[in-house]
Amino acid sequence: MKRYIHSYHTLNKPMYKKILNAIDNVRDDYMDCHSKTFAMRGDVHLPEGSDQSLIMKFNHRFIESLKNKGYDPAYIMVREISNEGKTHYHMALLLNGQKVESPHYVFKDMERILNNVAGPGGSINHCDNGHRNGITVKRDDPDSRNLQEVQRQFSYLAKTEQKDKVKGKTYFSSRIRIKTTETEIII
């Protein structure tokens, strides 16, 4: 079920359509699999001089940790380079809303894993300046203000600003395997 909301215009920033589409696809597919979805954002700042292999190692361990807790994670992550030349990553995270109601322990897990993988010098931004982070959206209420706020927050990942210096792929995301009980018949 597609729930596309064009709320990114409220950010008054140019956006990459490909990233917006990835956000919509992951979010919609996830919500089709879960009656309650917990959505949150976090930014990952690696120690200076780190390469992309470190974020991949962090992401793998972090997602595995969430899976082991039964949170059934899905994510979209984008890479940006600040005007000062520092690489950072914006992460949009979707979790099973039946099991997660607060971002607190998720952030604790992020910080612990980042410290284990990267050592000192890395940090996690909780993305809670001026707005709430950690929003539950119910599948049977797709037009809710909560869903609109999630889309507004997640669409920040698609802004073009600070991506022009990035070489290679600027974003990566999880793939949702939709569980179905239907059998496909071709005649």
N, C-alpha and C. Protein backbone atom coordinates (compact mmCIF):
# COMPACT_ATOMS: atom_id res chain seq x y z
N MET A 1 0.86 -1.17 0.00
CA MET A 1 0.00 0.00 0.00
C MET A 1 0.90 1.23 0.00
N LYS A 2 0.76 2.11 -0.98
CA LYS A 2 1.59 3.30 -1.07
C LYS A 2 0.96 4.43 -0.27
N ARG A 3 1.78 5.10 0.53
CA ARG A 3 1.32 6.20 1.37
C ARG A 3 2.15 7.45 1.08
N TYR A 4 2.48 7.69 -0.15
CA TYR A 4 3.39 8.76 -0.49
C TYR A 4 2.84 10.11 -0.06
N ILE A 5 3.66 10.85 0.69
CA ILE A 5 3.28 12.17 1.16
C ILE A 5 4.34 13.15 0.68
N HIS A 6 3.94 14.17 -0.04
CA HIS A 6 4.88 15.18 -0.54
C HIS A 6 5.07 16.27 0.51
N SER A 7 5.66 15.95 1.63
CA SER A 7 5.86 16.96 2.67
C SER A 7 7.23 17.59 2.58
N TYR A 8 8.08 17.10 1.69
CA TYR A 8 9.43 17.63 1.63
C TYR A 8 9.48 19.08 1.17
N HIS A 9 8.43 19.57 0.54
CA HIS A 9 8.42 20.97 0.12
C HIS A 9 8.45 21.90 1.33
N THR A 10 7.98 21.45 2.48
CA THR A 10 7.98 22.29 3.68
C THR A 10 9.38 22.57 4.18
N LEU A 11 10.37 21.80 3.73
CA LEU A 11 11.75 22.03 4.16
C LEU A 11 12.41 23.16 3.38
N ASN A 12 11.79 23.56 2.27
CA ASN A 12 12.33 24.63 1.43
C ASN A 12 13.78 24.37 1.03
N LYS A 13 14.08 23.16 0.65
CA LYS A 13 15.41 22.78 0.20
C LYS A 13 15.28 21.93 -1.06
N PRO A 14 16.25 22.02 -1.97
CA PRO A 14 16.24 21.09 -3.11
C PRO A 14 16.47 19.67 -2.59
N MET A 15 15.80 18.71 -3.20
CA MET A 15 15.86 17.31 -2.76
C MET A 15 16.21 16.39 -3.91
N TYR A 16 16.87 15.28 -3.58
CA TYR A 16 17.12 14.23 -4.55
C TYR A 16 15.91 13.30 -4.60
N LYS A 17 15.28 13.23 -5.76
CA LYS A 17 14.08 12.41 -5.93
C LYS A 17 14.38 10.93 -5.69
N LYS A 18 15.56 10.46 -6.12
CA LYS A 18 15.91 9.05 -5.96
C LYS A 18 15.95 8.66 -4.47
N ILE A 19 16.47 9.55 -3.63
CA ILE A 19 16.53 9.26 -2.19
C ILE A 19 15.13 9.33 -1.59
N LEU A 20 14.33 10.32 -2.01
CA LEU A 20 12.94 10.39 -1.53
C LEU A 20 12.18 9.12 -1.89
N ASN A 21 12.37 8.61 -3.11
CA ASN A 21 11.70 7.38 -3.52
C ASN A 21 12.17 6.19 -2.67
N ALA A 22 13.46 6.13 -2.36
CA ALA A 22 13.97 5.05 -1.51
C ALA A 22 13.34 5.12 -0.12
N ILE A 23 13.23 6.32 0.42
CA ILE A 23 12.58 6.51 1.73
C ILE A 23 11.15 6.02 1.67
N ASP A 24 10.41 6.45 0.65
CA ASP A 24 9.01 6.05 0.51
C ASP A 24 8.87 4.54 0.38
N ASN A 25 9.71 3.92 -0.43
CA ASN A 25 9.61 2.48 -0.66
C ASN A 25 9.90 1.69 0.62
N VAL A 26 10.97 2.05 1.32
CA VAL A 26 11.30 1.32 2.55
C VAL A 26 10.21 1.54 3.60
N ARG A 27 9.77 2.79 3.77
CA ARG A 27 8.73 3.09 4.77
C ARG A 27 7.42 2.37 4.44
N ASP A 28 6.97 2.46 3.20
CA ASP A 28 5.70 1.84 2.83
C ASP A 28 5.75 0.32 2.96
N ASP A 29 6.84 -0.29 2.48
CA ASP A 29 6.97 -1.75 2.59
C ASP A 29 7.03 -2.17 4.06
N TYR A 30 7.72 -1.41 4.88
CA TYR A 30 7.81 -1.74 6.30
C TYR A 30 6.44 -1.65 6.96
N MET A 31 5.70 -0.57 6.66
CA MET A 31 4.38 -0.40 7.26
C MET A 31 3.39 -1.46 6.79
N ASP A 32 3.61 -2.01 5.60
CA ASP A 32 2.76 -3.11 5.14
C ASP A 32 3.00 -4.38 5.96
N CYS A 33 4.17 -4.49 6.57
CA CYS A 33 4.53 -5.68 7.36
C CYS A 33 4.24 -5.54 8.85
N HIS A 34 4.00 -4.32 9.33
CA HIS A 34 3.84 -4.08 10.77
C HIS A 34 2.62 -3.21 11.04
N SER A 35 1.82 -3.61 12.01
CA SER A 35 0.64 -2.80 12.36
C SER A 35 1.04 -1.51 13.06
N LYS A 36 2.19 -1.52 13.76
CA LYS A 36 2.73 -0.32 14.40
C LYS A 36 4.20 -0.20 14.03
N THR A 37 4.58 0.97 13.57
CA THR A 37 5.96 1.24 13.18
C THR A 37 6.51 2.35 14.06
N PHE A 38 7.69 2.12 14.63
CA PHE A 38 8.38 3.14 15.40
C PHE A 38 9.46 3.73 14.50
N ALA A 39 9.38 5.03 14.22
CA ALA A 39 10.31 5.69 13.31
C ALA A 39 11.17 6.68 14.09
N MET A 40 12.46 6.69 13.78
CA MET A 40 13.37 7.62 14.45
C MET A 40 14.53 7.97 13.54
N ARG A 41 15.26 9.03 13.90
CA ARG A 41 16.43 9.46 13.16
C ARG A 41 17.62 9.54 14.08
N GLY A 42 18.80 9.31 13.52
CA GLY A 42 20.05 9.49 14.25
C GLY A 42 21.15 9.82 13.26
N ASP A 43 22.10 10.63 13.68
CA ASP A 43 23.23 10.96 12.83
C ASP A 43 24.50 10.35 13.41
N VAL A 44 25.31 9.77 12.55
CA VAL A 44 26.54 9.10 12.96
C VAL A 44 27.73 9.93 12.47
N HIS A 45 28.57 10.32 13.41
CA HIS A 45 29.80 11.06 13.10
C HIS A 45 30.97 10.16 13.47
N LEU A 46 31.74 9.78 12.46
CA LEU A 46 32.89 8.91 12.67
C LEU A 46 34.11 9.74 13.07
N PRO A 47 35.10 9.09 13.68
CA PRO A 47 36.34 9.82 13.97
C PRO A 47 36.96 10.33 12.67
N GLU A 48 37.64 11.44 12.76
CA GLU A 48 38.27 12.04 11.59
C GLU A 48 39.22 11.04 10.92
N GLY A 49 39.19 11.01 9.59
CA GLY A 49 40.07 10.13 8.84
C GLY A 49 39.50 8.74 8.59
N SER A 50 38.29 8.48 9.06
CA SER A 50 37.66 7.16 8.86
C SER A 50 37.21 7.01 7.42
N ASP A 51 37.20 5.78 6.92
CA ASP A 51 36.70 5.55 5.57
C ASP A 51 35.34 4.86 5.64
N GLN A 52 34.75 4.65 4.46
CA GLN A 52 33.39 4.11 4.41
C GLN A 52 33.29 2.70 4.97
N SER A 53 34.37 1.94 4.98
CA SER A 53 34.29 0.58 5.52
C SER A 53 33.92 0.59 7.00
N LEU A 54 34.29 1.65 7.72
CA LEU A 54 33.97 1.74 9.14
C LEU A 54 32.47 1.92 9.35
N ILE A 55 31.81 2.74 8.53
CA ILE A 55 30.36 2.92 8.69
C ILE A 55 29.64 1.64 8.31
N MET A 56 30.16 0.92 7.33
CA MET A 56 29.52 -0.35 6.95
C MET A 56 29.64 -1.37 8.09
N LYS A 57 30.78 -1.40 8.74
CA LYS A 57 30.99 -2.30 9.88
C LYS A 57 30.06 -1.91 11.04
N PHE A 58 29.98 -0.60 11.33
CA PHE A 58 29.07 -0.12 12.36
C PHE A 58 27.64 -0.50 12.04
N ASN A 59 27.21 -0.20 10.81
CA ASN A 59 25.83 -0.44 10.42
C ASN A 59 25.48 -1.93 10.52
N HIS A 60 26.38 -2.79 10.07
CA HIS A 60 26.13 -4.23 10.13
C HIS A 60 25.93 -4.68 11.58
N ARG A 61 26.82 -4.27 12.47
CA ARG A 61 26.72 -4.68 13.88
C ARG A 61 25.48 -4.09 14.55
N PHE A 62 25.19 -2.84 14.23
CA PHE A 62 24.03 -2.18 14.83
C PHE A 62 22.73 -2.84 14.39
N ILE A 63 22.59 -3.09 13.10
CA ILE A 63 21.36 -3.73 12.59
C ILE A 63 21.24 -5.15 13.14
N GLU A 64 22.34 -5.89 13.21
CA GLU A 64 22.31 -7.24 13.80
C GLU A 64 21.86 -7.20 15.25
N SER A 65 22.34 -6.22 16.00
CA SER A 65 21.94 -6.07 17.40
C SER A 65 20.44 -5.83 17.52
N LEU A 66 19.90 -4.98 16.66
CA LEU A 66 18.46 -4.71 16.67
C LEU A 66 17.67 -5.95 16.27
N LYS A 67 18.16 -6.70 15.30
CA LYS A 67 17.50 -7.95 14.90
C LYS A 67 17.48 -8.94 16.05
N ASN A 68 18.60 -9.05 16.76
CA ASN A 68 18.69 -9.98 17.89
C ASN A 68 17.72 -9.63 19.01
N LYS A 69 17.34 -8.37 19.12
CA LYS A 69 16.37 -7.93 20.12
C LYS A 69 14.93 -8.11 19.63
N GLY A 70 14.76 -8.53 18.37
CA GLY A 70 13.42 -8.73 17.81
C GLY A 70 12.78 -7.45 17.31
N TYR A 71 13.58 -6.40 17.04
CA TYR A 71 13.03 -5.12 16.62
C TYR A 71 12.75 -5.05 15.12
N ASP A 72 13.19 -6.03 14.35
CA ASP A 72 12.96 -6.10 12.91
C ASP A 72 13.28 -4.77 12.20
N PRO A 73 14.55 -4.33 12.23
CA PRO A 73 14.90 -3.01 11.72
C PRO A 73 14.90 -2.88 10.20
N ALA A 74 14.60 -1.69 9.74
CA ALA A 74 14.80 -1.27 8.36
C ALA A 74 15.39 0.13 8.43
N TYR A 75 16.21 0.49 7.46
CA TYR A 75 16.90 1.77 7.54
C TYR A 75 17.17 2.37 6.17
N ILE A 76 17.41 3.65 6.18
CA ILE A 76 17.95 4.38 5.05
C ILE A 76 19.08 5.23 5.65
N MET A 77 20.24 5.21 5.02
CA MET A 77 21.36 5.99 5.51
C MET A 77 21.97 6.77 4.35
N VAL A 78 22.27 8.04 4.58
CA VAL A 78 22.92 8.86 3.55
C VAL A 78 24.23 9.42 4.08
N ARG A 79 25.16 9.59 3.17
CA ARG A 79 26.49 10.12 3.50
C ARG A 79 26.57 11.56 3.02
N GLU A 80 27.12 12.41 3.87
CA GLU A 80 27.31 13.81 3.51
C GLU A 80 28.70 14.26 3.97
N ILE A 81 29.18 15.32 3.35
CA ILE A 81 30.45 15.93 3.74
C ILE A 81 30.16 17.39 4.07
N SER A 82 30.46 17.78 5.31
CA SER A 82 30.18 19.15 5.75
C SER A 82 31.10 20.13 5.04
N ASN A 83 30.81 21.40 5.20
CA ASN A 83 31.64 22.45 4.61
C ASN A 83 33.07 22.40 5.16
N GLU A 84 33.23 21.83 6.36
CA GLU A 84 34.56 21.68 6.96
C GLU A 84 35.27 20.43 6.46
N GLY A 85 34.61 19.66 5.59
CA GLY A 85 35.23 18.46 5.03
C GLY A 85 35.04 17.20 5.85
N LYS A 86 34.18 17.24 6.86
CA LYS A 86 33.96 16.08 7.72
C LYS A 86 32.78 15.24 7.20
N THR A 87 33.01 13.94 7.09
CA THR A 87 31.95 13.02 6.64
C THR A 87 31.06 12.65 7.82
N HIS A 88 29.77 12.64 7.58
CA HIS A 88 28.81 12.18 8.58
C HIS A 88 27.67 11.47 7.85
N TYR A 89 26.87 10.75 8.60
CA TYR A 89 25.80 9.93 8.03
C TYR A 89 24.50 10.22 8.75
N HIS A 90 23.44 10.43 7.98
CA HIS A 90 22.09 10.58 8.52
C HIS A 90 21.40 9.23 8.38
N MET A 91 20.79 8.76 9.47
CA MET A 91 20.11 7.46 9.43
C MET A 91 18.64 7.64 9.80
N ALA A 92 17.77 7.09 8.97
CA ALA A 92 16.35 6.98 9.28
C ALA A 92 16.10 5.50 9.60
N LEU A 93 15.47 5.26 10.73
CA LEU A 93 15.34 3.90 11.23
C LEU A 93 13.88 3.57 11.49
N LEU A 94 13.44 2.40 11.04
CA LEU A 94 12.09 1.91 11.28
C LEU A 94 12.20 0.64 12.11
N LEU A 95 11.41 0.57 13.19
CA LEU A 95 11.44 -0.58 14.10
C LEU A 95 10.03 -1.04 14.40
N ASN A 96 9.91 -2.26 14.88
CA ASN A 96 8.61 -2.84 15.23
C ASN A 96 8.02 -2.04 16.40
N GLY A 97 6.94 -1.33 16.14
CA GLY A 97 6.29 -0.50 17.15
C GLY A 97 5.62 -1.29 18.26
N GLN A 98 5.47 -2.60 18.10
CA GLN A 98 4.95 -3.44 19.18
C GLN A 98 6.03 -3.68 20.24
N LYS A 99 7.31 -3.49 19.86
CA LYS A 99 8.42 -3.78 20.77
C LYS A 99 9.21 -2.55 21.19
N VAL A 100 9.12 -1.46 20.45
CA VAL A 100 9.91 -0.26 20.75
C VAL A 100 8.96 0.92 20.91
N GLU A 101 9.11 1.64 22.02
CA GLU A 101 8.27 2.81 22.25
C GLU A 101 9.07 4.08 22.52
N SER A 102 10.40 3.93 22.63
CA SER A 102 11.25 5.08 22.92
C SER A 102 12.59 4.90 22.22
N PRO A 103 13.21 5.99 21.79
CA PRO A 103 14.52 5.87 21.14
C PRO A 103 15.67 5.73 22.13
N HIS A 104 15.42 5.88 23.42
CA HIS A 104 16.48 5.92 24.42
C HIS A 104 17.45 4.75 24.33
N TYR A 105 16.94 3.53 24.43
CA TYR A 105 17.83 2.36 24.43
C TYR A 105 18.42 2.08 23.05
N VAL A 106 17.72 2.50 22.01
CA VAL A 106 18.26 2.36 20.66
C VAL A 106 19.50 3.25 20.52
N PHE A 107 19.41 4.47 21.01
CA PHE A 107 20.57 5.36 20.97
C PHE A 107 21.71 4.84 21.84
N LYS A 108 21.39 4.27 22.99
CA LYS A 108 22.43 3.68 23.84
C LYS A 108 23.17 2.58 23.09
N ASP A 109 22.41 1.76 22.37
CA ASP A 109 22.98 0.68 21.56
C ASP A 109 23.86 1.26 20.44
N MET A 110 23.36 2.30 19.76
CA MET A 110 24.14 2.95 18.70
C MET A 110 25.48 3.45 19.24
N GLU A 111 25.42 4.13 20.38
CA GLU A 111 26.64 4.71 20.96
C GLU A 111 27.62 3.62 21.39
N ARG A 112 27.11 2.56 22.00
CA ARG A 112 27.97 1.45 22.43
C ARG A 112 28.66 0.81 21.24
N ILE A 113 27.90 0.54 20.19
CA ILE A 113 28.47 -0.13 19.01
C ILE A 113 29.44 0.79 18.27
N LEU A 114 29.11 2.07 18.16
CA LEU A 114 30.03 3.00 17.51
C LEU A 114 31.35 3.06 18.27
N ASN A 115 31.27 3.10 19.59
CA ASN A 115 32.48 3.15 20.40
C ASN A 115 33.31 1.87 20.23
N ASN A 116 32.64 0.72 20.16
CA ASN A 116 33.35 -0.55 19.96
C ASN A 116 34.01 -0.63 18.58
N VAL A 117 33.33 -0.13 17.57
CA VAL A 117 33.82 -0.22 16.19
C VAL A 117 34.85 0.86 15.87
N ALA A 118 34.57 2.09 16.31
CA ALA A 118 35.39 3.23 15.89
C ALA A 118 36.33 3.76 16.96
N GLY A 119 36.11 3.36 18.20
CA GLY A 119 36.91 3.91 19.28
C GLY A 119 36.49 5.34 19.58
N PRO A 120 37.34 6.07 20.32
CA PRO A 120 36.98 7.45 20.67
C PRO A 120 37.00 8.36 19.44
N GLY A 121 36.24 9.42 19.54
CA GLY A 121 36.23 10.39 18.45
C GLY A 121 34.97 10.36 17.61
N GLY A 122 34.18 9.31 17.73
CA GLY A 122 32.90 9.25 17.02
C GLY A 122 31.78 9.71 17.92
N SER A 123 30.65 10.06 17.33
CA SER A 123 29.51 10.48 18.14
C SER A 123 28.19 10.21 17.42
N ILE A 124 27.13 10.17 18.20
CA ILE A 124 25.77 9.99 17.68
C ILE A 124 24.97 11.24 18.04
N ASN A 125 24.34 11.85 17.04
CA ASN A 125 23.44 12.97 17.27
C ASN A 125 22.03 12.41 17.34
N HIS A 126 21.29 12.74 18.39
CA HIS A 126 19.94 12.20 18.61
C HIS A 126 18.86 12.90 17.80
N CYS A 127 19.21 13.90 17.03
CA CYS A 127 18.27 14.58 16.13
C CYS A 127 16.99 15.00 16.83
N ASP A 128 17.13 15.55 18.02
CA ASP A 128 15.94 15.95 18.78
C ASP A 128 15.90 17.45 19.04
N ASN A 129 16.63 18.22 18.25
CA ASN A 129 16.62 19.66 18.45
C ASN A 129 15.36 20.29 17.83
N GLY A 130 14.47 20.70 18.70
CA GLY A 130 13.28 21.40 18.24
C GLY A 130 12.10 20.54 17.85
N HIS A 131 12.27 19.23 17.79
CA HIS A 131 11.14 18.36 17.46
C HIS A 131 11.33 17.01 18.15
N ARG A 132 10.24 16.28 18.24
CA ARG A 132 10.34 14.97 18.89
C ARG A 132 10.97 13.97 17.94
N ASN A 133 11.70 13.07 18.51
CA ASN A 133 12.32 11.99 17.72
C ASN A 133 11.85 10.68 18.33
N GLY A 134 11.36 9.82 17.51
CA GLY A 134 10.77 8.58 17.96
C GLY A 134 9.26 8.70 17.89
N ILE A 135 8.71 8.31 16.76
CA ILE A 135 7.28 8.51 16.49
C ILE A 135 6.66 7.17 16.10
N THR A 136 5.55 6.84 16.73
CA THR A 136 4.83 5.61 16.39
C THR A 136 3.74 5.93 15.38
N VAL A 137 3.70 5.13 14.31
CA VAL A 137 2.69 5.28 13.27
C VAL A 137 1.93 3.96 13.17
N LYS A 138 0.62 4.04 13.19
CA LYS A 138 -0.22 2.84 13.05
C LYS A 138 -0.62 2.66 11.60
N ARG A 139 -0.55 1.41 11.13
CA ARG A 139 -0.88 1.11 9.73
C ARG A 139 -2.31 1.49 9.40
N ASP A 140 -3.24 1.34 10.33
CA ASP A 140 -4.65 1.62 10.04
C ASP A 140 -4.97 3.13 10.11
N ASP A 141 -3.95 3.97 10.30
CA ASP A 141 -4.13 5.42 10.32
C ASP A 141 -3.08 6.07 9.43
N PRO A 142 -3.07 5.73 8.11
CA PRO A 142 -2.01 6.20 7.22
C PRO A 142 -2.01 7.69 6.94
N ASP A 143 -3.09 8.41 7.26
CA ASP A 143 -3.13 9.84 7.01
C ASP A 143 -2.85 10.66 8.27
N SER A 144 -2.30 10.01 9.26
CA SER A 144 -2.10 10.67 10.55
C SER A 144 -1.03 11.76 10.50
N ARG A 145 -1.09 12.65 11.46
CA ARG A 145 -0.05 13.68 11.61
C ARG A 145 1.29 13.03 11.94
N ASN A 146 1.26 11.89 12.62
CA ASN A 146 2.51 11.20 12.94
C ASN A 146 3.23 10.77 11.67
N LEU A 147 2.50 10.22 10.72
CA LEU A 147 3.11 9.80 9.46
C LEU A 147 3.66 11.01 8.70
N GLN A 148 2.93 12.10 8.72
CA GLN A 148 3.40 13.31 8.06
C GLN A 148 4.69 13.82 8.72
N GLU A 149 4.77 13.76 10.04
CA GLU A 149 5.98 14.21 10.73
C GLU A 149 7.15 13.28 10.44
N VAL A 150 6.90 11.97 10.36
CA VAL A 150 7.96 11.03 10.00
C VAL A 150 8.48 11.35 8.61
N GLN A 151 7.59 11.58 7.67
CA GLN A 151 8.02 11.90 6.30
C GLN A 151 8.81 13.20 6.27
N ARG A 152 8.37 14.19 7.03
CA ARG A 152 9.09 15.46 7.07
C ARG A 152 10.51 15.24 7.60
N GLN A 153 10.63 14.50 8.70
CA GLN A 153 11.95 14.25 9.29
C GLN A 153 12.82 13.40 8.38
N PHE A 154 12.25 12.35 7.81
CA PHE A 154 13.04 11.46 6.95
C PHE A 154 13.45 12.14 5.65
N SER A 155 12.61 13.04 5.14
CA SER A 155 12.95 13.69 3.87
C SER A 155 14.19 14.56 3.99
N TYR A 156 14.58 14.92 5.20
CA TYR A 156 15.82 15.68 5.40
C TYR A 156 17.01 14.93 4.81
N LEU A 157 16.95 13.61 4.79
CA LEU A 157 18.04 12.81 4.24
C LEU A 157 18.23 13.05 2.75
N ALA A 158 17.19 13.53 2.06
CA ALA A 158 17.24 13.71 0.61
C ALA A 158 17.73 15.08 0.18
N LYS A 159 18.03 15.96 1.11
CA LYS A 159 18.48 17.30 0.73
C LYS A 159 19.76 17.21 -0.08
N THR A 160 19.90 18.09 -1.06
CA THR A 160 21.08 18.05 -1.93
C THR A 160 22.30 18.66 -1.26
N GLU A 161 22.07 19.56 -0.34
CA GLU A 161 23.16 20.25 0.36
C GLU A 161 24.10 19.24 1.02
N GLN A 162 25.38 19.43 0.89
CA GLN A 162 26.47 18.64 1.48
C GLN A 162 26.66 17.27 0.85
N LYS A 163 25.99 17.02 -0.28
CA LYS A 163 26.21 15.75 -0.97
C LYS A 163 27.05 15.93 -2.23
N ASP A 164 27.30 17.18 -2.63
CA ASP A 164 28.01 17.44 -3.87
C ASP A 164 29.47 17.02 -3.83
N LYS A 165 30.06 16.90 -2.65
CA LYS A 165 31.47 16.49 -2.53
C LYS A 165 31.63 14.98 -2.36
N VAL A 166 30.51 14.28 -2.20
CA VAL A 166 30.56 12.83 -1.96
C VAL A 166 30.87 12.11 -3.26
N LYS A 167 31.88 11.24 -3.21
CA LYS A 167 32.21 10.41 -4.37
C LYS A 167 31.57 9.05 -4.16
N GLY A 168 30.99 8.51 -5.21
CA GLY A 168 30.35 7.20 -5.10
C GLY A 168 28.91 7.35 -4.64
N LYS A 169 28.35 6.27 -4.17
CA LYS A 169 26.95 6.23 -3.76
C LYS A 169 26.74 7.07 -2.50
N THR A 170 25.70 7.88 -2.51
CA THR A 170 25.43 8.75 -1.37
C THR A 170 24.49 8.12 -0.35
N TYR A 171 23.77 7.08 -0.72
CA TYR A 171 22.82 6.48 0.24
C TYR A 171 22.80 4.97 0.09
N PHE A 172 22.37 4.30 1.15
CA PHE A 172 22.11 2.88 1.10
C PHE A 172 20.97 2.58 2.05
N SER A 173 20.27 1.47 1.80
CA SER A 173 19.08 1.15 2.60
C SER A 173 18.89 -0.35 2.69
N SER A 174 18.01 -0.72 3.62
CA SER A 174 17.70 -2.13 3.77
C SER A 174 16.68 -2.53 2.71
N ARG A 175 16.60 -3.81 2.50
CA ARG A 175 15.58 -4.36 1.60
C ARG A 175 14.56 -5.07 2.47
N ILE A 176 13.31 -4.80 2.21
CA ILE A 176 12.24 -5.40 2.98
C ILE A 176 11.77 -6.66 2.28
N ARG A 177 11.74 -7.74 3.01
CA ARG A 177 11.18 -8.98 2.46
C ARG A 177 9.75 -9.09 2.98
N ILE A 178 8.82 -8.87 2.08
CA ILE A 178 7.41 -8.90 2.47
C ILE A 178 6.96 -10.34 2.61
N LYS A 179 6.42 -10.62 3.80
CA LYS A 179 5.92 -11.96 4.06
C LYS A 179 4.50 -12.04 3.51
N THR A 180 4.21 -13.12 2.83
CA THR A 180 2.87 -13.27 2.27
C THR A 180 2.41 -14.71 2.47
N THR A 181 1.11 -14.87 2.60
CA THR A 181 0.54 -16.20 2.70
C THR A 181 -0.14 -16.59 1.40
N GLU A 182 -0.14 -15.66 0.45
CA GLU A 182 -0.78 -15.94 -0.83
C GLU A 182 0.16 -16.74 -1.73
N THR A 183 -0.42 -17.57 -2.55
CA THR A 183 0.34 -18.32 -3.54
C THR A 183 0.07 -17.71 -4.91
N GLU A 184 1.14 -17.40 -5.61
CA GLU A 184 0.98 -16.79 -6.93
C GLU A 184 0.68 -17.89 -7.94
N ILE A 185 -0.35 -17.69 -8.74
CA ILE A 185 -0.72 -18.65 -9.77
C ILE A 185 -0.65 -17.95 -11.12
N ILE A 186 0.07 -18.55 -12.03
CA ILE A 186 0.17 -18.02 -13.39
C ILE A 186 -0.52 -18.98 -14.31
N ILE A 187 -1.45 -18.48 -15.11
CA ILE A 187 -2.20 -19.35 -16.02
C ILE A 187 -1.75 -19.11 -17.44
